[in-house]
Each structure stands twice: as structure tokens, then as C-alpha cells.
C-alpha atoms as a PDB file:
ATOM      1  CA  MET A   1     265.917  76.785 -59.040  1.00  0.00           C
ATOM      2  CA  LYS A   2     265.613  78.091 -55.212  1.00  0.00           C
ATOM      3  CA  GLU A   3     264.335  74.569 -54.314  1.00  0.00           C
ATOM      4  CA  TYR A   4     267.482  72.710 -55.841  1.00  0.00           C
ATOM      5  CA  LEU A   5     269.811  75.361 -54.166  1.00  0.00           C
ATOM      6  CA  ASP A   6     268.052  74.400 -50.771  1.00  0.00           C
ATOM      7  CA  PHE A   7     268.369  70.950 -51.432  1.00  0.00           C
ATOM      8  CA  LYS A   8     272.022  71.132 -52.202  1.00  0.00           C
ATOM      9  CA  GLY A   9     272.774  73.323 -49.304  1.00  0.00           C
ATOM     10  CA  VAL A  10     273.863  76.336 -51.535  1.00  0.00           C
ATOM     11  CA  SER A  11     272.933  79.967 -50.740  1.00  0.00           C
ATOM     12  CA  VAL A  12     271.669  82.048 -53.235  1.00  0.00           C
ATOM     13  CA  SER A  13     274.688  84.411 -52.817  1.00  0.00           C
ATOM     14  CA  VAL A  14     276.860  81.880 -53.530  1.00  0.00           C
ATOM     15  CA  ALA A  15     275.027  80.506 -56.255  1.00  0.00           C
ATOM     16  CA  GLU A  16     275.345  83.884 -57.915  1.00  0.00           C
ATOM     17  CA  LYS A  17     279.018  83.947 -57.384  1.00  0.00           C
ATOM     18  CA  GLU A  18     279.393  80.502 -58.998  1.00  0.00           C
ATOM     19  CA  ILE A  19     277.793  81.291 -61.859  1.00  0.00           C
ATOM     20  CA  GLY A  20     279.450  84.702 -62.266  1.00  0.00           C
ATOM     21  CA  VAL A  21     276.206  87.045 -62.151  1.00  0.00           C
ATOM     22  CA  ALA A  22     275.677  90.314 -60.113  1.00  0.00           C
ATOM     23  CA  ASN A  23     274.317  90.207 -56.587  1.00  0.00           C
ATOM     24  CA  GLY A  24     270.295  89.887 -57.105  1.00  0.00           C
ATOM     25  CA  THR A  25     270.133  88.208 -60.350  1.00  0.00           C
ATOM     26  CA  LEU A  26     268.972  85.231 -58.639  1.00  0.00           C
ATOM     27  CA  SER A  27     267.793  86.632 -55.546  1.00  0.00           C
ATOM     28  CA  LYS A  28     265.254  89.217 -56.844  1.00  0.00           C
ATOM     29  CA  PRO A  29     263.197  86.785 -59.078  1.00  0.00           C
ATOM     30  CA  PHE A  30     263.129  84.628 -56.540  1.00  0.00           C
ATOM     31  CA  LYS A  31     261.644  86.644 -54.081  1.00  0.00           C
ATOM     32  CA  ALA A  32     259.228  88.174 -56.471  1.00  0.00           C
ATOM     33  CA  ASN A  33     258.443  84.700 -57.902  1.00  0.00           C
ATOM     34  CA  THR A  34     259.282  85.902 -61.453  1.00  0.00           C
ATOM     35  CA  THR A  35     261.100  84.180 -64.271  1.00  0.00           C
ATOM     36  CA  ILE A  36     264.682  84.015 -64.548  1.00  0.00           C
ATOM     37  CA  LYS A  37     266.314  85.284 -67.711  1.00  0.00           C
ATOM     38  CA  THR A  38     267.465  82.921 -70.180  1.00  0.00           C
ATOM     39  CA  ASP A  39     271.332  83.765 -70.156  1.00  0.00           C
ATOM     40  CA  THR A  40     271.234  83.475 -66.406  1.00  0.00           C
ATOM     41  CA  LEU A  41     269.530  80.175 -66.590  1.00  0.00           C
ATOM     42  CA  GLU A  42     272.074  79.141 -69.142  1.00  0.00           C
ATOM     43  CA  LYS A  43     274.800  79.786 -66.722  1.00  0.00           C
ATOM     44  CA  PHE A  44     273.138  78.260 -63.615  1.00  0.00           C
ATOM     45  CA  LEU A  45     273.030  74.946 -65.794  1.00  0.00           C
ATOM     46  CA  ASN A  46     276.401  75.168 -67.001  1.00  0.00           C
ATOM     47  CA  VAL A  47     277.618  75.176 -63.265  1.00  0.00           C
ATOM     48  CA  TYR A  48     275.232  73.100 -61.508  1.00  0.00           C
ATOM     49  CA  THR A  49     275.208  70.208 -64.128  1.00  0.00           C
ATOM     50  CA  ASP A  50     273.423  67.525 -62.026  1.00  0.00           C
ATOM     51  CA  ILE A  51     270.043  69.357 -61.965  1.00  0.00           C
ATOM     52  CA  ASN A  52     267.608  68.344 -64.673  1.00  0.00           C
ATOM     53  CA  PRO A  53     266.644  71.152 -67.167  1.00  0.00           C
ATOM     54  CA  PHE A  54     263.385  69.772 -67.772  1.00  0.00           C
ATOM     55  CA  TRP A  55     262.735  70.084 -64.324  1.00  0.00           C
ATOM     56  CA  VAL A  56     263.378  73.471 -64.415  1.00  0.00           C
ATOM     57  CA  LEU A  57     261.198  74.256 -67.284  1.00  0.00           C
ATOM     58  CA  ASP A  58     258.143  72.373 -66.636  1.00  0.00           C
ATOM     59  CA  GLY A  59     258.786  70.062 -63.744  1.00  0.00           C
ATOM     60  CA  SER A  60     258.183  67.192 -66.269  1.00  0.00           C
ATOM     61  CA  LYS A  61     261.320  64.995 -64.842  1.00  0.00           C
ATOM     62  CA  ALA A  62     262.964  64.419 -61.719  1.00  0.00           C
ATOM     63  CA  MET A  63     265.032  67.454 -60.095  1.00  0.00           C
ATOM     64  CA  ILE A  64     268.422  65.638 -60.032  1.00  0.00           C
ATOM     65  CA  LYS A  65     269.455  63.798 -63.211  1.00  0.00           C
ATOM     66  CA  SER A  66     269.585  60.144 -63.121  1.00  0.00           C
ATOM     67  CA  ASP A  67     272.776  58.242 -63.496  1.00  0.00           C
ATOM     68  CA  VAL A  68     272.258  57.297 -66.973  1.00  0.00           C
ATOM     69  CA  GLU A  69     271.458  60.681 -67.974  1.00  0.00           C
ATOM     70  CA  SER A  70     274.525  62.140 -66.579  1.00  0.00           C
ATOM     71  CA  ILE A  71     276.685  59.570 -68.384  1.00  0.00           C
ATOM     72  CA  LYS A  72     274.833  60.184 -71.592  1.00  0.00           C
ATOM     73  CA  GLU A  73     276.115  63.916 -71.569  1.00  0.00           C
ATOM     74  CA  ASN A  74     279.772  62.483 -71.065  1.00  0.00           C
ATOM     75  CA  VAL A  75     279.800  59.885 -73.502  1.00  0.00           C
ATOM     76  CA  GLN A  76     281.071  61.139 -77.132  1.00  0.00           C
ATOM     77  CA  VAL A  77     280.458  58.329 -79.900  1.00  0.00           C
ATOM     78  CA  TYR A  78     283.262  58.647 -82.106  1.00  0.00           C
ATOM     79  CA  ASN A  79     282.555  60.312 -85.278  1.00  0.00           C
ATOM     80  CA  THR A  80     279.689  58.218 -86.033  1.00  0.00           C
ATOM     81  CA  LYS A  81     278.747  60.177 -89.374  1.00  0.00           C
ATOM     82  CA  LYS A  82     281.985  59.324 -90.830  1.00  0.00           C
ATOM     83  CA  ARG A  83     282.421  56.125 -89.857  1.00  0.00           C
ATOM     84  CA  ARG A  84     282.172  53.644 -92.781  1.00  0.00           C
ATOM     85  CA  THR A  85     280.890  50.650 -90.779  1.00  0.00           C
ATOM     86  CA  LYS A  86     277.842  50.015 -88.840  1.00  0.00           C
ATOM     87  CA  ASP A  87     277.064  48.385 -85.725  1.00  0.00           C
ATOM     88  CA  ALA A  88     274.188  46.799 -83.676  1.00  0.00           C
ATOM     89  CA  ILE A  89     273.280  48.992 -80.601  1.00  0.00           C
ATOM     90  CA  ILE A  90     272.947  47.490 -77.372  1.00  0.00           C
ATOM     91  CA  ASP A  91     270.599  49.223 -74.976  1.00  0.00           C
ATOM     92  CA  MET A  92     272.987  48.817 -72.056  1.00  0.00           C
ATOM     93  CA  GLN A  93     276.164  46.925 -71.122  1.00  0.00           C
ATOM     94  CA  GLU A  94     278.973  47.092 -68.750  1.00  0.00           C
ATOM     95  CA  VAL A  95     282.396  47.342 -70.163  1.00  0.00           C
ATOM     96  CA  PRO A  96     285.465  46.300 -68.104  1.00  0.00           C
ATOM     97  CA  PHE A  97     287.853  49.255 -67.716  1.00  0.00           C
ATOM     98  CA  TYR A  98     291.399  48.244 -67.524  1.00  0.00           C
ATOM     99  CA  ASN A  99     294.686  49.546 -66.399  1.00  0.00           C
ATOM    100  CA  LEU A 100     297.181  49.037 -69.169  1.00  0.00           C
ATOM    101  CA  GLU A 101     300.028  50.225 -67.068  1.00  0.00           C
ATOM    102  CA  ALA A 102     299.438  47.260 -64.536  1.00  0.00           C
ATOM    103  CA  THR A 103     299.680  44.797 -67.497  1.00  0.00           C
ATOM    104  CA  ALA A 104     302.797  43.626 -69.711  1.00  0.00           C
ATOM    105  CA  GLY A 105     301.384  45.539 -72.654  1.00  0.00           C
ATOM    106  CA  LEU A 106     298.179  45.601 -74.791  1.00  0.00           C
ATOM    107  CA  GLN A 107     299.018  42.042 -76.222  1.00  0.00           C
ATOM    108  CA  ALA A 108     299.305  40.717 -72.891  1.00  0.00           C
ATOM    109  CA  LEU A 109     296.127  42.373 -71.782  1.00  0.00           C
ATOM    110  CA  PHE A 110     294.092  41.059 -74.798  1.00  0.00           C
ATOM    111  CA  ASN A 111     295.418  37.570 -74.390  1.00  0.00           C
ATOM    112  CA  SER A 112     295.246  37.006 -70.688  1.00  0.00           C
ATOM    113  CA  GLY A 113     291.803  38.238 -69.787  1.00  0.00           C
ATOM    114  CA  ASN A 114     292.717  38.471 -66.305  1.00  0.00           C
ATOM    115  CA  PRO A 115     289.928  40.114 -64.101  1.00  0.00           C
ATOM    116  CA  GLN A 116     292.687  41.256 -61.729  1.00  0.00           C
ATOM    117  CA  LYS A 117     293.574  44.000 -64.052  1.00  0.00           C
ATOM    118  CA  VAL A 118     289.824  45.504 -64.251  1.00  0.00           C
ATOM    119  CA  LEU A 119     289.669  48.570 -62.307  1.00  0.00           C
ATOM    120  CA  ASP A 120     286.091  48.731 -62.596  1.00  0.00           C
ATOM    121  CA  THR A 121     283.470  48.560 -64.883  1.00  0.00           C
ATOM    122  CA  ILE A 122     281.659  51.401 -67.221  1.00  0.00           C
ATOM    123  CA  LYS A 123     278.010  51.035 -67.533  1.00  0.00           C
ATOM    124  CA  ILE A 124     276.928  52.962 -70.854  1.00  0.00           C
ATOM    125  CA  PRO A 125     273.592  52.862 -72.763  1.00  0.00           C
ATOM    126  CA  ASN A 126     273.190  52.818 -76.433  1.00  0.00           C
ATOM    127  CA  LEU A 127     276.646  51.748 -77.840  1.00  0.00           C
ATOM    128  CA  PRO A 128     277.825  49.038 -80.036  1.00  0.00           C
ATOM    129  CA  LYS A 129     279.341  45.875 -78.264  1.00  0.00           C
ATOM    130  CA  CYS A 130     282.857  46.707 -76.692  1.00  0.00           C
ATOM    131  CA  ASP A 131     285.164  44.371 -74.971  1.00  0.00           C
ATOM    132  CA  GLY A 132     286.932  46.743 -72.835  1.00  0.00           C
ATOM    133  CA  ALA A 133     288.309  50.652 -71.986  1.00  0.00           C
ATOM    134  CA  LEU A 134     291.326  52.227 -71.577  1.00  0.00           C
ATOM    135  CA  THR A 135     292.688  55.622 -70.695  1.00  0.00           C
ATOM    136  CA  VAL A 136     294.644  57.311 -73.743  1.00  0.00           C
ATOM    137  CA  THR A 137     297.404  59.404 -73.286  1.00  0.00           C
ATOM    138  CA  GLY A 138     299.156  61.717 -75.600  1.00  0.00           C
ATOM    139  CA  ASP A 139     297.928  64.530 -78.133  1.00  0.00           C
ATOM    140  CA  SER A 140     298.012  62.624 -81.466  1.00  0.00           C
ATOM    141  CA  MET A 141     294.210  62.464 -81.863  1.00  0.00           C
ATOM    142  CA  TYR A 142     293.655  66.059 -80.396  1.00  0.00           C
ATOM    143  CA  PRO A 143     290.736  67.587 -80.448  1.00  0.00           C
ATOM    144  CA  LEU A 144     288.999  64.288 -81.191  1.00  0.00           C
ATOM    145  CA  LEU A 145     290.518  62.425 -78.122  1.00  0.00           C
ATOM    146  CA  LYS A 146     292.285  64.395 -75.444  1.00  0.00           C
ATOM    147  CA  SER A 147     294.833  62.925 -72.905  1.00  0.00           C
ATOM    148  CA  GLY A 148     292.962  61.405 -70.223  1.00  0.00           C
ATOM    149  CA  ASP A 149     289.885  60.483 -72.159  1.00  0.00           C
ATOM    150  CA  ILE A 150     288.777  56.800 -72.150  1.00  0.00           C
ATOM    151  CA  VAL A 151     288.380  54.603 -75.459  1.00  0.00           C
ATOM    152  CA  LEU A 152     285.972  51.749 -75.773  1.00  0.00           C
ATOM    153  CA  TYR A 153     287.190  49.297 -77.820  1.00  0.00           C
ATOM    154  CA  LYS A 154     286.466  45.840 -79.885  1.00  0.00           C
ATOM    155  CA  GLN A 155     289.371  43.382 -80.256  1.00  0.00           C
ATOM    156  CA  THR A 156     289.858  42.372 -84.117  1.00  0.00           C
ATOM    157  CA  SER A 157     292.414  41.198 -86.273  1.00  0.00           C
ATOM    158  CA  VAL A 158     294.717  42.852 -89.009  1.00  0.00           C
ATOM    159  CA  GLU A 159     292.822  40.756 -91.533  1.00  0.00           C
ATOM    160  CA  SER A 160     289.702  42.484 -90.555  1.00  0.00           C
ATOM    161  CA  ILE A 161     290.686  46.070 -90.624  1.00  0.00           C
ATOM    162  CA  PHE A 162     288.223  48.642 -92.159  1.00  0.00           C
ATOM    163  CA  TYR A 163     290.752  51.162 -93.707  1.00  0.00           C
ATOM    164  CA  GLY A 164     289.844  54.919 -92.562  1.00  0.00           C
ATOM    165  CA  GLU A 165     288.495  53.915 -89.276  1.00  0.00           C
ATOM    166  CA  MET A 166     290.049  54.470 -85.616  1.00  0.00           C
ATOM    167  CA  TYR A 167     291.987  51.638 -84.252  1.00  0.00           C
ATOM    168  CA  LEU A 168     293.839  51.045 -80.627  1.00  0.00           C
ATOM    169  CA  ILE A 169     296.970  49.011 -81.827  1.00  0.00           C
ATOM    170  CA  SER A 170     300.069  47.783 -80.273  1.00  0.00           C
ATOM    171  CA  VAL A 171     303.172  47.773 -82.512  1.00  0.00           C
ATOM    172  CA  LYS A 172     306.278  45.794 -81.850  1.00  0.00           C
ATOM    173  CA  ILE A 173     309.279  48.138 -81.423  1.00  0.00           C
ATOM    174  CA  ASP A 174     311.756  45.362 -80.509  1.00  0.00           C
ATOM    175  CA  GLU A 175     311.752  42.058 -78.633  1.00  0.00           C
ATOM    176  CA  TRP A 176     311.217  44.329 -75.397  1.00  0.00           C
ATOM    177  CA  GLU A 177     309.378  47.099 -76.335  1.00  0.00           C
ATOM    178  CA  GLU A 178     305.668  47.772 -77.644  1.00  0.00           C
ATOM    179  CA  TYR A 179     304.514  51.124 -78.902  1.00  0.00           C
ATOM    180  CA  VAL A 180     300.666  51.332 -78.100  1.00  0.00           C
ATOM    181  CA  THR A 181     298.569  54.289 -79.983  1.00  0.00           C
ATOM    182  CA  VAL A 182     295.361  55.167 -81.031  1.00  0.00           C
ATOM    183  CA  LYS A 183     295.369  56.105 -84.741  1.00  0.00           C
ATOM    184  CA  TYR A 184     293.198  56.061 -88.185  1.00  0.00           C
ATOM    185  CA  VAL A 185     294.631  53.077 -90.086  1.00  0.00           C
ATOM    186  CA  GLN A 186     294.803  53.911 -93.644  1.00  0.00           C
ATOM    187  CA  LYS A 187     296.166  51.746 -96.713  1.00  0.00           C
ATOM    188  CA  SER A 188     299.781  52.273 -97.418  1.00  0.00           C
ATOM    189  CA  ASP A 189     301.788  53.287-100.414  1.00  0.00           C
ATOM    190  CA  LYS A 190     304.353  50.634 -99.606  1.00  0.00           C
ATOM    191  CA  GLY A 191     301.929  48.079-100.567  1.00  0.00           C
ATOM    192  CA  ASP A 192     299.767  45.280 -98.654  1.00  0.00           C
ATOM    193  CA  GLY A 193     302.342  44.136 -96.133  1.00  0.00           C
ATOM    194  CA  PHE A 194     302.134  47.688 -94.744  1.00  0.00           C
ATOM    195  CA  VAL A 195     299.758  50.002 -93.306  1.00  0.00           C
ATOM    196  CA  LYS A 196     299.730  53.677 -92.486  1.00  0.00           C
ATOM    197  CA  LEU A 197     298.962  55.177 -89.314  1.00  0.00           C
ATOM    198  CA  VAL A 198     297.183  58.633 -89.399  1.00  0.00           C
ATOM    199  CA  SER A 199     296.744  61.372 -86.534  1.00  0.00           C
ATOM    200  CA  GLN A 200     294.049  63.576 -86.195  1.00  0.00           C
ATOM    201  CA  ASN A 201     296.566  66.101 -84.995  1.00  0.00           C
ATOM    202  CA  GLN A 202     298.379  67.421 -88.045  1.00  0.00           C
ATOM    203  CA  HIS A 203     301.408  68.020 -86.006  1.00  0.00           C
ATOM    204  CA  HIS A 204     301.869  64.388 -85.972  1.00  0.00           C
ATOM    205  CA  GLN A 205     303.152  62.882 -89.317  1.00  0.00           C
ATOM    206  CA  PRO A 206     301.847  59.729 -90.774  1.00  0.00           C
ATOM    207  CA  LYS A 207     303.786  56.861 -90.435  1.00  0.00           C
ATOM    208  CA  ASP A 208     303.839  53.301 -92.238  1.00  0.00           C
ATOM    209  CA  ILE A 209     304.316  50.385 -90.387  1.00  0.00           C
ATOM    210  CA  ASP A 210     304.957  46.688 -91.273  1.00  0.00           C
ATOM    211  CA  ILE A 211     301.645  44.737 -90.684  1.00  0.00           C
ATOM    212  CA  LYS A 212     303.992  41.792 -89.198  1.00  0.00           C
ATOM    213  CA  ASN A 213     304.975  44.308 -86.135  1.00  0.00           C
ATOM    214  CA  ILE A 214     301.285  44.599 -84.872  1.00  0.00           C
ATOM    215  CA  GLN A 215     300.688  42.470 -82.206  1.00  0.00           C
ATOM    216  CA  ALA A 216     297.298  43.666 -80.890  1.00  0.00           C
ATOM    217  CA  ILE A 217     294.473  45.576 -82.638  1.00  0.00           C
ATOM    218  CA  ALA A 218     290.982  46.915 -81.569  1.00  0.00           C
ATOM    219  CA  MET A 219     288.544  49.042 -83.258  1.00  0.00           C
ATOM    220  CA  VAL A 220     287.477  52.248 -81.105  1.00  0.00           C
ATOM    221  CA  LYS A 221     283.679  52.293 -80.847  1.00  0.00           C
ATOM    222  CA  ALA A 222     283.089  55.218 -78.508  1.00  0.00           C
ATOM    223  CA  SER A 223     284.923  57.594 -76.196  1.00  0.00           C
ATOM    224  CA  VAL A 224     284.402  58.981 -72.834  1.00  0.00           C
ATOM    225  CA  ARG A 225     285.290  62.444 -71.871  1.00  0.00           C
ATOM    226  CA  PHE A 226     284.455  63.816 -68.366  1.00  0.00           C
ATOM    227  CA  ASN A 227     283.461  67.589 -69.106  1.00  0.00           C
ATOM    228  CA  THR A 228     282.436  68.140 -65.159  1.00  0.00           C
ATOM    229  CA  MET A 229     284.565  67.710 -61.965  1.00  0.00           C
ATOM    230  CA  PHE A 230     283.359  65.480 -59.323  1.00  0.00           C
END
């Protein structure tokens, strides 16, 4: 750990303050070359997230995590235990990250495939095939999704809906406006011509919508949440 702090140019006293421990908690065992307490180590790893815990424990890996290892910690694959569908996993793929605000809506984005709308690409291992990624807003799927999270999706059609799964949906409000949201899609009591959109957040009431008003739809395959500040 001392080698890591030297590498990062962080003094021991500053590190003690940043991880919230008393003066000497790190400096004394460093000088005596003795073992760091487990709770202190946990605090250290929670603050300095780019250090590889395997390197700290036994030196079996590089001191600094690779980009892939760092990404894996920040990727949350949506509800894999409860999903009703299973997907083939791709070892590594680059998913285009789009700016929805720069388009005329989700339907236009899906139809255009315009590379000018791509902000960047997200390279993520061990996920199902994804067509794109977008930032979500609002709290209707909280705590599963928070505003600012990124969802990775696979375009599909209304005819291919698997009820109970989570979808990114564009619903036509009127001739000029669409409503873009992420919701669970369930069967509606109103019949086959409708679906029910259900939120994770219980403060948002379910809503039945006419299938004819769905302009674009994509199944959410994964979500990305950045748990650390860069």
C-alpha cells in the first residue's frame, strides 16, 4: 500500500485523512512493516478504487487495475436472476453510446443509424449483444436504475415482447411529441391491443397504453452505473 501511495504521489498523512482513520493508522505499520488491520484495508480499497486488491493481498496481479477490471466493477447486468429470457454472451463488444437529445426522438434514432449521433463507444466484456446505449433520466425505475445511469439495449418489435422484461420505449403522445421511458412491460387487463407499463418505483402508478402508440421499443440488456468519481 505504501508503494501504491508513492506511485500516486499521495502522502501517508493525506491518505489517512481521505480514508477517515486516525493519524498513525497507516504510518505506524508502514514503518514497522507489520500487517494493516482488515477494517483499515477495506476503507483504503473503498477510497482508492484503482488499486488491485489481489496485488495488496498476494501480489498476484498488477498494482493498478486494468480498464476491463475497472469497467466490470461499474457494470450492473440488469436483474439476471429474474429475467425470463436468456441471451448468448459476447466476450467483448463495443456498444455505440448515443445522445438522445441530439435526435428527433427514439424512433428517429433507431431508424437513422446516423453515426453523427454517436457520442462514444462503450467497450464491455461478457454481455449479450447490444445495439446501443443511452443515459436514462427520472426516478421511475429507482433503485434499480438511477437518473444518470446508462442502459444498453437491443432493438426489437412489439410482436416480440417478452412480458415481464424491462424495455426502453417510445410512446406517441400526439403528432409532435413522444414519451421515452424505461419500464417493465406486462400484459394489460384491457386486452391484446394494450400493454401495461410498470415502474420499479412504487410511487409511479402503472399505465395501460395502446400498442399502436408504441413508436420504438428495445429490450434493456444491462445498465452501467459509475460508483466512483473520475
